[in-house]
Structure formats: structure tokens, C-alpha cells
Amino acid sequence: MMLSLGSDRGKKSWRRIGTTALLTVLVAAGCSASGESWPTISGVTPEGVYFESGGSGHPIVLIHGFSLDRRMWEPQLAALLEGHRVIRYDLRGHGASTGPTGPFAAYDDLAAVLDALEVDRASLVGLSAGAQVAIDFALTYPDRVDKLVVASPGLSGYVPRAPFTWFQPVADALASGDVDLAASRWAETPLMTVSDSAVASMVTRIVRDNARIWSYQRGDQPPDPPAVARLADLAVPMLVIVGERDLPNIHGVVDTLMTCVVTAQRLTIPGARHMVNLSAVEAFNRAVVSFLDGHGDDPSQTVRSPCA
């Protein structure tokens, strides 16, 4: 069932009857929370962020990367729905979510999704920009996060060391005002590359579907101070997953996390690229499920150097 809360009427209804009543309406309409179908609940927050939820058990939120949407998690759904409540959503301006009309904070959008579903605490799984959102959220709302999985992570406030020469074709398309061409060229960059041809076609399709993101003038606002200056405050268990063939700047972020977050453990997947959940599906799923279910190594036993 789809519940729209983004219109003025929907916003007023949201404030009037509250989340509990809204979810009661969903259940009365025949939406099951047993995980027998996907999704069992879908909706839109007052800010226009689309979300889906299905399954039962401890909540897990999947946060997609920039230029993608919730569809990138299809290969993970079956594995995670075994014993978990899975929530996925589209970041502002992506997929079925509305575009930004002014400055916004992606981590606050995530809080709104959890509020809409009446979820107090959850484990977060984010890739690339989605990992950045997960980290920002954990620092802003520490009492609402149980575990963090950050794959091919971005990090607010991190200064890249290597030049983005591979981005020039995208920049040229944007300079000409052709957002569709920019999206097509972005799909060809090392960040989006996947070896399997069928999966690569899926990624390209999703990226092109989200071409509008290149036209937005106002974007996500990082926390102040940004996460890179506050990593020592992260206390939740964290699994950092990186593909062996990811870009040097991403490996630099991973090194920073491993130095500064005492609860972090690293998994490098041989041969995998930036889209690690798609280029190494079985290894990724196995590691995430094991970590979230408490079968991984105890990160507290890992020795850390002081965070510079």
C-alpha cells in the first residue's frame, strides 16, 4: 500500500492523526508486517522522502549511494529479510522522493523516515554517499543506532587526496547544461563500473533514471562540525566494507575510519569495485548478515592508533 504524506493535505493529516494511527490504517488495509510480501508498508514523509518497509525483526535501514535509488539493494533483500525488518528509502531528489527546494540535512530525512515508521532504533547499512548519511546520522542521533555497516564510504568533511580527473567528462556535460548526458557519463565512471554486464545495465538504467539530480542547485548540508572531526565520538559497532579495486580516495576514507573509530572493523573484498554490494553480492551479504546478527569478530579487541 502507498501512503502519500507529501501534499499539504497529507502533511495536515500527518500532524492531526499521528504516526500510530497512520500505521493502523495501513494494517487495516491489509498490509502485513510478516515479511510475506515486499514491501508491506510504503509511504512519503512530510518532506517528500519515499520509504518502504517489509519483514519482521530488528530494523535495518538501507541507504543508497548518490545518483542511485532504493533499487540498488535488490540483491540484498532476500538475505536481510530472513529475521529482520528491512527499510529502504530514496534520498532527497532520488527515485520517488521529491527534490530539494532549499538547504536540507540528509540525516534529518532519515530521522523522519524512522519517525514515520515508529522505529526508535535501527542498524544502518549505507554505501558511498549513503554511508556518509549513516555516519552523520549516528553522530547526530547516537541513541537511535545499534550497528553501522558502511561500504565504499563517503565521509563529510573529508578532503580527497587524489584528483578527480575521471570526473571531467561529467563536468563538461554539466557545463553544456545537458543533465542527461552528465548522467550517462557518470554511469561510465569508475564509481559506477560493475563487471557483470547485466548488473552494469541495471546500474546505468538507475543512474539515467535519476538524471534530474544534476539539475539541483541546493544540496545536502553536512553537520557542523563535519563527521571527520568527530569520529572519536562514534561508539556503535561498525563494519567497514571496501572493494579491493575501489578508488584511492575511498581507501583513504576507510583508513581514516579505521584509525579514528575504535569500534570499527574492516573487510576488504578481493576484486570488488566501488559498487561492492553489486560486484561481490554473496561476500557482501554474508558479511553484513553475520555482523548484524552478532557473529562477527569483536571490534573492541582491535588495537587502534590515536586519531590525528
Protein backbone atom coordinates (compact mmCIF):
# COMPACT_ATOMS: atom_id res chain seq x y z
CA MET A 1 0.00 0.00 0.00
CA MET A 2 1.21 3.52 -0.81
CA LEU A 3 0.54 6.32 1.69
CA SER A 4 1.29 9.83 0.49
CA LEU A 5 2.13 12.38 3.16
CA GLY A 6 3.93 14.90 0.96
CA SER A 7 0.98 17.09 -0.07
CA ASP A 8 -0.36 19.93 2.08
CA ARG A 9 -3.39 17.81 2.86
CA GLY A 10 -1.16 14.86 3.71
CA LYS A 11 1.01 16.98 5.99
CA LYS A 12 -2.04 18.26 7.87
CA SER A 13 -3.37 14.74 8.22
CA TRP A 14 0.01 13.57 9.45
CA ARG A 15 0.09 16.14 12.20
CA ARG A 16 -3.56 15.57 13.12
CA ILE A 17 -3.75 11.80 13.48
CA GLY A 18 -0.11 10.92 14.13
CA THR A 19 2.08 8.02 13.08
CA THR A 20 0.38 5.36 15.18
CA ALA A 21 -2.97 5.98 13.57
CA LEU A 22 -1.40 6.04 10.12
CA LEU A 23 0.17 2.64 10.58
CA THR A 24 -3.12 1.38 11.97
CA VAL A 25 -4.70 2.45 8.69
CA LEU A 26 -2.04 0.50 6.81
CA VAL A 27 -2.66 -2.67 8.78
CA ALA A 28 -6.44 -2.31 8.44
CA ALA A 29 -5.97 -2.00 4.68
CA GLY A 30 -4.37 -5.42 4.58
CA CYS A 31 -0.66 -4.62 4.76
CA SER A 32 1.09 -7.42 6.63
CA ALA A 33 4.20 -6.95 8.76
CA SER A 34 5.11 -10.64 8.48
CA GLY A 35 7.52 -10.24 5.59
CA GLU A 36 5.37 -12.40 3.31
CA SER A 37 5.46 -9.69 0.64
CA TRP A 38 7.62 -6.73 -0.20
CA PRO A 39 7.00 -4.02 0.72
CA THR A 40 4.38 -4.36 3.40
CA ILE A 41 4.34 -0.61 4.07
CA SER A 42 5.31 2.29 1.83
CA GLY A 43 4.84 5.99 2.30
CA VAL A 44 6.20 9.51 1.95
CA THR A 45 7.36 11.74 4.79
CA PRO A 46 6.08 15.35 5.06
CA GLU A 47 9.38 16.39 3.46
CA GLY A 48 8.66 14.21 0.41
CA VAL A 49 11.01 11.31 1.14
CA TYR A 50 9.68 7.98 -0.12
CA PHE A 51 10.22 4.85 2.01
CA GLU A 52 9.38 1.14 2.06
CA SER A 53 9.37 -1.39 4.90
CA GLY A 54 8.89 -5.14 4.98
CA GLY A 55 9.71 -8.21 7.05
CA SER A 56 9.87 -8.56 10.81
CA GLY A 57 12.58 -8.50 13.43
CA HIS A 58 15.21 -5.93 14.28
CA PRO A 59 15.02 -2.93 11.90
CA ILE A 60 17.72 -2.48 9.27
CA VAL A 61 17.82 0.64 7.11
CA LEU A 62 19.43 0.51 3.65
CA ILE A 63 20.80 3.85 2.38
CA HIS A 64 21.74 4.00 -1.30
CA GLY A 65 24.53 5.93 -3.00
CA PHE A 66 24.47 9.20 -4.92
CA SER A 67 22.71 9.08 -8.32
CA LEU A 68 21.08 5.75 -7.45
CA ASP A 69 17.94 4.84 -5.52
CA ARG A 70 16.47 2.08 -3.36
CA ARG A 71 16.59 -0.39 -6.27
CA MET A 72 20.33 -0.86 -5.86
CA TRP A 73 19.61 -3.02 -2.80
CA GLU A 74 17.60 -5.68 -4.66
CA PRO A 75 20.39 -8.32 -4.31
CA GLN A 76 20.38 -7.83 -0.52
CA LEU A 77 16.65 -8.04 0.21
CA ALA A 78 16.23 -11.82 0.36
CA ALA A 79 19.21 -12.29 2.68
CA LEU A 80 18.25 -9.45 5.03
CA LEU A 81 14.53 -10.25 5.19
CA GLU A 82 15.42 -13.51 6.94
CA GLY A 83 14.78 -12.43 10.52
CA HIS A 84 14.92 -8.65 10.05
CA ARG A 85 12.63 -5.76 9.32
CA VAL A 86 14.12 -4.11 6.25
CA ILE A 87 13.59 -0.43 5.49
CA ARG A 88 14.84 1.23 2.35
CA TYR A 89 14.14 4.70 1.05
CA ASP A 90 15.11 7.19 -1.66
CA LEU A 91 17.37 10.06 -0.67
CA ARG A 92 16.04 13.55 -1.31
CA GLY A 93 15.85 14.17 -5.05
CA HIS A 94 16.36 10.50 -5.95
CA GLY A 95 13.90 7.82 -7.04
CA ALA A 96 10.36 8.51 -5.85
CA SER A 97 11.42 11.25 -3.39
CA THR A 98 10.88 14.91 -4.21
CA GLY A 99 13.76 17.24 -5.00
CA PRO A 100 15.15 19.80 -2.58
CA THR A 101 13.75 23.32 -2.62
CA GLY A 102 16.30 24.66 -0.17
CA PRO A 103 19.07 23.50 2.14
CA PHE A 104 18.37 20.23 3.93
CA ALA A 105 20.14 17.60 6.00
CA ALA A 106 20.00 14.02 4.72
CA TYR A 107 20.49 12.66 8.24
CA ASP A 108 17.36 14.53 9.36
CA ASP A 109 15.48 12.98 6.43
CA LEU A 110 16.48 9.56 7.75
CA ALA A 111 15.16 10.52 11.19
CA ALA A 112 11.86 11.47 9.57
CA VAL A 113 11.64 8.07 7.87
CA LEU A 114 12.20 6.28 11.18
CA ASP A 115 9.65 8.52 12.87
CA ALA A 116 7.11 7.73 10.17
CA LEU A 117 7.58 4.02 10.79
CA GLU A 118 7.72 4.42 14.59
CA VAL A 119 11.21 2.94 14.74
CA ASP A 120 13.20 4.15 17.73
CA ARG A 121 16.47 2.34 16.96
CA ALA A 122 17.86 0.58 13.92
CA SER A 123 21.00 -0.76 12.34
CA LEU A 124 22.15 1.19 9.28
CA VAL A 125 23.69 -0.12 6.06
CA GLY A 126 24.92 2.58 3.69
CA LEU A 127 27.04 2.65 0.55
CA SER A 128 29.13 5.59 -0.64
CA ALA A 129 27.03 8.75 -0.04
CA GLY A 130 24.61 6.51 1.86
CA ALA A 131 27.44 5.56 4.21
CA GLN A 132 28.12 9.25 4.78
CA VAL A 133 24.48 9.76 5.70
CA ALA A 134 24.66 6.78 8.08
CA ILE A 135 27.73 8.18 9.86
CA ASP A 136 26.27 11.69 10.10
CA PHE A 137 23.05 10.22 11.50
CA ALA A 138 24.91 8.12 14.08
CA LEU A 139 26.75 11.21 15.31
CA THR A 140 23.60 13.34 15.40
CA TYR A 141 21.24 10.69 16.81
CA PRO A 142 23.53 8.27 18.68
CA ASP A 143 20.69 6.78 20.73
CA ARG A 144 18.89 5.64 17.57
CA VAL A 145 21.63 3.44 16.09
CA ASP A 146 22.58 -0.10 17.11
CA LYS A 147 25.15 -1.01 14.45
CA LEU A 148 26.69 0.59 11.38
CA VAL A 149 27.74 -1.03 8.11
CA VAL A 150 29.48 1.48 5.84
CA ALA A 151 30.51 0.26 2.40
CA SER A 152 32.74 2.20 -0.02
CA PRO A 153 32.19 5.04 2.43
CA GLY A 154 31.94 8.76 1.94
CA LEU A 155 32.69 10.98 4.92
CA SER A 156 31.53 14.55 5.49
CA GLY A 157 34.45 16.94 5.82
CA TYR A 158 36.99 14.53 4.33
CA VAL A 159 39.40 16.20 1.89
CA PRO A 160 40.26 13.87 -1.03
CA ARG A 161 43.94 13.35 -1.72
CA ALA A 162 43.77 12.20 -5.35
CA PRO A 163 42.43 14.46 -8.16
CA PHE A 164 39.08 13.67 -9.72
CA THR A 165 40.38 13.56 -13.31
CA TRP A 166 37.85 10.85 -14.14
CA PHE A 167 35.04 13.33 -13.45
CA GLN A 168 35.97 15.75 -16.26
CA PRO A 169 33.61 14.28 -18.91
CA VAL A 170 30.72 14.69 -16.46
CA ALA A 171 31.77 18.26 -15.69
CA ASP A 172 31.90 19.07 -19.42
CA ALA A 173 28.34 17.77 -19.88
CA LEU A 174 27.12 19.83 -16.92
CA ALA A 175 28.83 22.94 -18.32
CA SER A 176 26.80 22.48 -21.50
CA GLY A 177 23.59 22.14 -19.45
CA ASP A 178 22.92 18.56 -20.59
CA VAL A 179 21.96 16.65 -17.43
CA ASP A 180 21.03 13.51 -19.36
CA LEU A 181 24.48 13.39 -20.91
CA ALA A 182 26.03 14.04 -17.49
CA ALA A 183 24.12 11.06 -16.08
CA SER A 184 25.20 8.82 -18.95
CA ARG A 185 28.83 9.80 -18.49
CA TRP A 186 28.56 9.41 -14.71
CA ALA A 187 27.38 5.83 -15.27
CA GLU A 188 30.66 5.20 -17.07
CA THR A 189 32.91 6.45 -14.27
CA PRO A 190 34.94 4.12 -12.03
CA LEU A 191 32.47 4.67 -9.19
CA MET A 192 29.60 3.13 -11.16
CA THR A 193 31.52 0.42 -13.04
CA VAL A 194 30.39 -3.17 -12.49
CA SER A 195 31.94 -6.11 -14.36
CA ASP A 196 28.79 -8.18 -14.86
CA SER A 197 27.05 -6.85 -17.99
CA ALA A 198 23.50 -7.44 -16.72
CA VAL A 199 24.22 -5.69 -13.43
CA ALA A 200 26.03 -2.89 -15.25
CA SER A 201 22.93 -2.34 -17.41
CA MET A 202 20.79 -2.11 -14.26
CA VAL A 203 23.14 0.45 -12.70
CA THR A 204 23.16 2.53 -15.89
CA ARG A 205 19.38 2.47 -16.05
CA ILE A 206 19.04 3.63 -12.44
CA VAL A 207 21.62 6.39 -12.91
CA ARG A 208 19.86 7.65 -16.03
CA ASP A 209 16.50 7.50 -14.26
CA ASN A 210 17.97 9.86 -11.66
CA ALA A 211 19.46 12.37 -14.12
CA ARG A 212 17.46 15.18 -12.50
CA ILE A 213 19.81 15.24 -9.51
CA TRP A 214 22.38 17.03 -11.68
CA SER A 215 19.99 19.98 -12.07
CA TYR A 216 19.52 20.77 -8.38
CA GLN A 217 21.19 23.93 -7.10
CA ARG A 218 20.71 23.30 -3.38
CA GLY A 219 22.01 20.20 -1.71
CA ASP A 220 22.61 18.29 1.46
CA GLN A 221 24.11 20.21 4.37
CA PRO A 222 26.67 18.28 6.46
CA PRO A 223 26.65 18.55 10.24
CA ASP A 224 28.74 21.28 11.87
CA PRO A 225 31.40 20.28 12.68
CA PRO A 226 31.52 17.58 9.99
CA ALA A 227 31.91 13.90 10.78
CA VAL A 228 35.63 13.77 10.01
CA ALA A 229 36.25 15.98 13.07
CA ARG A 230 34.04 13.90 15.37
CA LEU A 231 34.85 10.28 14.56
CA ALA A 232 36.19 9.63 18.05
CA ASP A 233 32.60 10.15 19.28
CA LEU A 234 31.31 7.13 17.38
CA ALA A 235 30.75 4.32 19.86
CA VAL A 236 28.48 1.90 17.98
CA PRO A 237 29.91 -1.28 16.42
CA MET A 238 30.93 -0.51 12.82
CA LEU A 239 31.78 -2.76 9.89
CA VAL A 240 33.69 -1.01 7.12
CA ILE A 241 33.50 -2.80 3.76
CA VAL A 242 35.65 -1.77 0.83
CA GLY A 243 36.34 -3.28 -2.56
CA GLU A 244 39.96 -4.04 -3.32
CA ARG A 245 39.62 -2.18 -6.65
CA ASP A 246 37.88 0.91 -5.28
CA LEU A 247 39.37 4.36 -5.83
CA PRO A 248 42.31 5.60 -3.71
CA ASN A 249 40.19 8.34 -2.11
CA ILE A 250 37.70 5.76 -0.83
CA HIS A 251 40.53 3.71 0.63
CA GLY A 252 41.73 6.93 2.26
CA VAL A 253 38.33 7.35 3.94
CA VAL A 254 38.49 3.74 5.11
CA ASP A 255 41.95 4.28 6.59
CA THR A 256 40.66 7.36 8.43
CA LEU A 257 37.73 5.44 9.87
CA MET A 258 39.94 2.57 10.97
CA THR A 259 42.29 4.99 12.71
CA CYS A 260 39.68 7.09 14.45
CA VAL A 261 36.74 4.79 15.25
CA VAL A 262 37.72 2.34 17.97
CA THR A 263 34.67 0.16 17.37
CA ALA A 264 35.38 -0.33 13.64
CA GLN A 265 36.47 -3.47 11.84
CA ARG A 266 37.43 -3.65 8.18
CA LEU A 267 36.56 -6.10 5.43
CA THR A 268 38.33 -5.75 2.08
CA ILE A 269 36.67 -7.85 -0.63
CA PRO A 270 39.15 -9.05 -3.26
CA GLY A 271 38.46 -7.91 -6.81
CA ALA A 272 35.41 -5.82 -5.84
CA ARG A 273 34.83 -2.28 -7.08
CA HIS A 274 33.06 0.72 -5.58
CA MET A 275 29.59 -0.79 -6.02
CA VAL A 276 30.66 -3.57 -3.72
CA ASN A 277 27.14 -4.79 -2.90
CA LEU A 278 26.65 -5.49 -6.62
CA SER A 279 30.13 -6.63 -7.65
CA ALA A 280 30.51 -9.13 -4.77
CA VAL A 281 26.93 -9.94 -3.76
CA GLU A 282 27.50 -13.19 -1.85
CA ALA A 283 30.52 -11.95 0.09
CA PHE A 284 28.79 -8.67 0.89
CA ASN A 285 25.55 -10.31 2.05
CA ARG A 286 27.35 -12.90 4.14
CA ALA A 287 29.47 -10.28 5.90
CA VAL A 288 26.56 -7.92 6.58
CA VAL A 289 24.24 -10.60 7.94
CA SER A 290 26.99 -12.09 10.11
CA PHE A 291 27.89 -8.69 11.54
CA LEU A 292 24.32 -7.58 12.17
CA ASP A 293 23.40 -10.88 13.79
CA GLY A 294 26.40 -10.69 16.11
CA HIS A 295 28.55 -13.43 14.63
CA GLY A 296 31.49 -11.28 13.56
CA ASP A 297 34.71 -10.55 15.41
CA ASP A 298 34.54 -8.30 18.45
CA PRO A 299 35.79 -4.91 17.18
CA SER A 300 36.61 -3.82 20.73
CA GLN A 301 39.58 -6.16 20.63
CA THR A 302 41.17 -4.33 17.70
CA VAL A 303 44.14 -2.09 18.56
CA ARG A 304 43.84 1.48 17.26
CA SER A 305 46.34 4.28 16.87
CA PRO A 306 45.35 7.69 18.20
CA CYS A 307 43.18 9.65 15.78
CA ALA A 308 45.14 12.52 14.33
